[in-house]
């Protein structure tokens, strides 16, 4: 059984809930504190592949950087979105759980259970 990796922000209630759900099911995920150790662009592209979503779906639209960087413009392409997330990891939607070649965004947190 492949390990689960959780892109986690310990100050986020959704991220905390996802971690609690995983541990309640006997899973001790590898934690990536992405604000301290931001994923590079290649890692973000890999996450997109595993999630099967468009780059915009990785964005936290409520963050001030979202508007400040002009990401609210729908014409901004996916490459620029990934570059922005790599440079400003606070923009990364959280939590993201990864297991093998699959990943889910844990919103709601119960979505992480889809990987079990």
C-alpha atoms as a PDB file:
ATOM      1  CA  UNK A   1       0.000   0.000   0.000  1.00  0.00           C
ATOM      2  CA  UNK A   2       1.587   3.311  -1.072  1.00  0.00           C
ATOM      3  CA  UNK A   3       2.093   5.983   1.534  1.00  0.00           C
ATOM      4  CA  UNK A   4      -0.119   9.045   1.693  1.00  0.00           C
ATOM      5  CA  UNK A   5       1.472  12.467   1.435  1.00  0.00           C
ATOM      6  CA  UNK A   6      -0.437  15.441   2.804  1.00  0.00           C
ATOM      7  CA  UNK A   7       0.331  18.995   1.697  1.00  0.00           C
ATOM      8  CA  UNK A   8      -0.556  20.555   5.000  1.00  0.00           C
ATOM      9  CA  UNK A   9      -0.915  23.889   6.750  1.00  0.00           C
ATOM     10  CA  UNK A  10      -1.218  23.237  10.496  1.00  0.00           C
ATOM     11  CA  UNK A  11      -3.067  26.544  10.988  1.00  0.00           C
ATOM     12  CA  UNK A  12      -5.823  25.584   8.541  1.00  0.00           C
ATOM     13  CA  UNK A  13      -8.882  23.902  10.053  1.00  0.00           C
ATOM     14  CA  UNK A  14      -9.598  21.939   6.845  1.00  0.00           C
ATOM     15  CA  UNK A  15      -6.026  20.702   6.737  1.00  0.00           C
ATOM     16  CA  UNK A  16      -6.143  19.751  10.425  1.00  0.00           C
ATOM     17  CA  UNK A  17      -9.417  17.877   9.864  1.00  0.00           C
ATOM     18  CA  UNK A  18      -7.964  15.972   6.892  1.00  0.00           C
ATOM     19  CA  UNK A  19      -4.966  14.924   8.974  1.00  0.00           C
ATOM     20  CA  UNK A  20      -7.241  13.800  11.815  1.00  0.00           C
ATOM     21  CA  UNK A  21      -9.360  11.734   9.405  1.00  0.00           C
ATOM     22  CA  UNK A  22      -6.318  10.005   7.971  1.00  0.00           C
ATOM     23  CA  UNK A  23      -4.840   9.188  11.368  1.00  0.00           C
ATOM     24  CA  UNK A  24      -8.233   7.961  12.603  1.00  0.00           C
ATOM     25  CA  UNK A  25      -8.107   5.458   9.729  1.00  0.00           C
ATOM     26  CA  UNK A  26      -4.636   4.282  10.727  1.00  0.00           C
ATOM     27  CA  UNK A  27      -2.773   6.323   8.120  1.00  0.00           C
ATOM     28  CA  UNK A  28       0.254   8.311   9.242  1.00  0.00           C
ATOM     29  CA  UNK A  29       0.824  10.524   6.188  1.00  0.00           C
ATOM     30  CA  UNK A  30       4.097  12.045   5.153  1.00  0.00           C
ATOM     31  CA  UNK A  31       3.531  15.718   5.904  1.00  0.00           C
ATOM     32  CA  UNK A  32       4.701  18.422   3.532  1.00  0.00           C
ATOM     33  CA  UNK A  33       4.533  21.760   5.326  1.00  0.00           C
ATOM     34  CA  UNK A  34       4.262  23.512   1.987  1.00  0.00           C
ATOM     35  CA  UNK A  35       4.538  27.035   3.416  1.00  0.00           C
ATOM     36  CA  UNK A  36       7.940  26.115   4.876  1.00  0.00           C
ATOM     37  CA  UNK A  37       9.022  23.858   2.003  1.00  0.00           C
ATOM     38  CA  UNK A  38       7.189  25.131  -1.074  1.00  0.00           C
ATOM     39  CA  UNK A  39       6.693  22.702  -3.937  1.00  0.00           C
ATOM     40  CA  UNK A  40       8.596  23.639  -7.070  1.00  0.00           C
ATOM     41  CA  UNK A  41       6.942  24.053 -10.432  1.00  0.00           C
ATOM     42  CA  UNK A  42       7.647  20.455 -11.492  1.00  0.00           C
ATOM     43  CA  UNK A  43       6.048  19.153  -8.295  1.00  0.00           C
ATOM     44  CA  UNK A  44       3.008  21.354  -8.874  1.00  0.00           C
ATOM     45  CA  UNK A  45       2.686  20.050 -12.434  1.00  0.00           C
ATOM     46  CA  UNK A  46       2.846  16.499 -11.059  1.00  0.00           C
ATOM     47  CA  UNK A  47       0.109  17.316  -8.563  1.00  0.00           C
ATOM     48  CA  UNK A  48      -2.055  18.627 -11.397  1.00  0.00           C
ATOM     49  CA  UNK A  49      -1.636  15.356 -13.272  1.00  0.00           C
ATOM     50  CA  UNK A  50      -2.585  13.327 -10.204  1.00  0.00           C
ATOM     51  CA  UNK A  51      -5.523  15.570  -9.375  1.00  0.00           C
ATOM     52  CA  UNK A  52      -6.771  15.761 -12.958  1.00  0.00           C
ATOM     53  CA  UNK A  53      -7.653  19.439 -12.559  1.00  0.00           C
ATOM     54  CA  UNK A  54      -6.791  22.708 -14.272  1.00  0.00           C
ATOM     55  CA  UNK A  55      -4.108  24.922 -12.694  1.00  0.00           C
ATOM     56  CA  UNK A  56      -6.713  27.468 -11.558  1.00  0.00           C
ATOM     57  CA  UNK A  57      -8.281  24.837  -9.320  1.00  0.00           C
ATOM     58  CA  UNK A  58      -5.106  24.863  -7.214  1.00  0.00           C
ATOM     59  CA  UNK A  59      -5.574  28.549  -6.364  1.00  0.00           C
ATOM     60  CA  UNK A  60      -6.847  29.990  -3.114  1.00  0.00           C
ATOM     61  CA  UNK A  61      -8.823  32.897  -4.523  1.00  0.00           C
ATOM     62  CA  UNK A  62      -9.347  34.573  -1.154  1.00  0.00           C
ATOM     63  CA  UNK A  63      -5.658  35.294  -0.628  1.00  0.00           C
ATOM     64  CA  UNK A  64      -4.570  38.918  -1.158  1.00  0.00           C
ATOM     65  CA  UNK A  65      -1.799  37.695  -3.498  1.00  0.00           C
ATOM     66  CA  UNK A  66      -4.450  36.275  -5.838  1.00  0.00           C
ATOM     67  CA  UNK A  67      -5.677  39.753  -6.753  1.00  0.00           C
ATOM     68  CA  UNK A  68      -2.333  41.503  -6.290  1.00  0.00           C
ATOM     69  CA  UNK A  69      -0.719  39.218  -8.884  1.00  0.00           C
ATOM     70  CA  UNK A  70      -3.589  39.659 -11.336  1.00  0.00           C
ATOM     71  CA  UNK A  71      -4.628  36.017 -11.105  1.00  0.00           C
ATOM     72  CA  UNK A  72      -8.267  37.081 -11.003  1.00  0.00           C
ATOM     73  CA  UNK A  73      -7.930  37.821 -14.734  1.00  0.00           C
ATOM     74  CA  UNK A  74      -9.409  34.764 -16.502  1.00  0.00           C
ATOM     75  CA  UNK A  75      -6.975  35.204 -19.398  1.00  0.00           C
ATOM     76  CA  UNK A  76      -4.004  34.306 -17.168  1.00  0.00           C
ATOM     77  CA  UNK A  77      -2.733  30.972 -18.468  1.00  0.00           C
ATOM     78  CA  UNK A  78      -1.938  27.834 -16.504  1.00  0.00           C
ATOM     79  CA  UNK A  79       1.814  28.309 -16.739  1.00  0.00           C
ATOM     80  CA  UNK A  80       1.582  31.692 -15.072  1.00  0.00           C
ATOM     81  CA  UNK A  81      -0.708  30.236 -12.397  1.00  0.00           C
ATOM     82  CA  UNK A  82       1.834  27.509 -11.579  1.00  0.00           C
ATOM     83  CA  UNK A  83       4.672  30.032 -11.514  1.00  0.00           C
ATOM     84  CA  UNK A  84       2.672  32.193  -9.103  1.00  0.00           C
ATOM     85  CA  UNK A  85       1.930  29.282  -6.774  1.00  0.00           C
ATOM     86  CA  UNK A  86       5.580  28.208  -6.813  1.00  0.00           C
ATOM     87  CA  UNK A  87       6.647  31.749  -5.905  1.00  0.00           C
ATOM     88  CA  UNK A  88       3.798  32.326  -3.405  1.00  0.00           C
ATOM     89  CA  UNK A  89       2.876  28.981  -1.806  1.00  0.00           C
ATOM     90  CA  UNK A  90       0.142  30.643   0.254  1.00  0.00           C
ATOM     91  CA  UNK A  91      -1.858  30.504  -2.998  1.00  0.00           C
ATOM     92  CA  UNK A  92      -1.892  26.685  -3.001  1.00  0.00           C
ATOM     93  CA  UNK A  93      -5.280  25.202  -2.171  1.00  0.00           C
ATOM     94  CA  UNK A  94      -5.109  22.960   0.861  1.00  0.00           C
ATOM     95  CA  UNK A  95      -5.011  20.289   1.947  1.00  0.00           C
ATOM     96  CA  UNK A  96      -3.890  18.055  -0.897  1.00  0.00           C
ATOM     97  CA  UNK A  97      -3.548  14.343  -0.231  1.00  0.00           C
ATOM     98  CA  UNK A  98      -1.535  12.147  -2.586  1.00  0.00           C
ATOM     99  CA  UNK A  99      -1.350   8.379  -2.744  1.00  0.00           C
ATOM    100  CA  UNK A 100       0.430   6.713  -5.621  1.00  0.00           C
ATOM    101  CA  UNK A 101      -0.749   8.222  -8.891  1.00  0.00           C
ATOM    102  CA  UNK A 102      -3.892   9.795  -7.405  1.00  0.00           C
ATOM    103  CA  UNK A 103      -4.522  12.952  -5.423  1.00  0.00           C
ATOM    104  CA  UNK A 104      -7.472  14.878  -4.020  1.00  0.00           C
ATOM    105  CA  UNK A 105      -8.010  18.367  -2.674  1.00  0.00           C
ATOM    106  CA  UNK A 106      -9.429  17.886   0.810  1.00  0.00           C
ATOM    107  CA  UNK A 107     -12.348  20.275   0.543  1.00  0.00           C
ATOM    108  CA  UNK A 108     -14.319  19.052   2.265  1.00  0.00           C
ATOM    109  CA  UNK A 109     -11.737  17.177   4.363  1.00  0.00           C
ATOM    110  CA  UNK A 110     -13.614  13.879   3.920  1.00  0.00           C
ATOM    111  CA  UNK A 111     -12.432  13.791   0.304  1.00  0.00           C
ATOM    112  CA  UNK A 112      -9.056  12.492   1.525  1.00  0.00           C
ATOM    113  CA  UNK A 113     -10.797   9.225   2.361  1.00  0.00           C
ATOM    114  CA  UNK A 114     -11.301   8.642  -1.383  1.00  0.00           C
ATOM    115  CA  UNK A 115      -7.633   7.617  -1.491  1.00  0.00           C
ATOM    116  CA  UNK A 116      -7.996   4.812   1.041  1.00  0.00           C
END
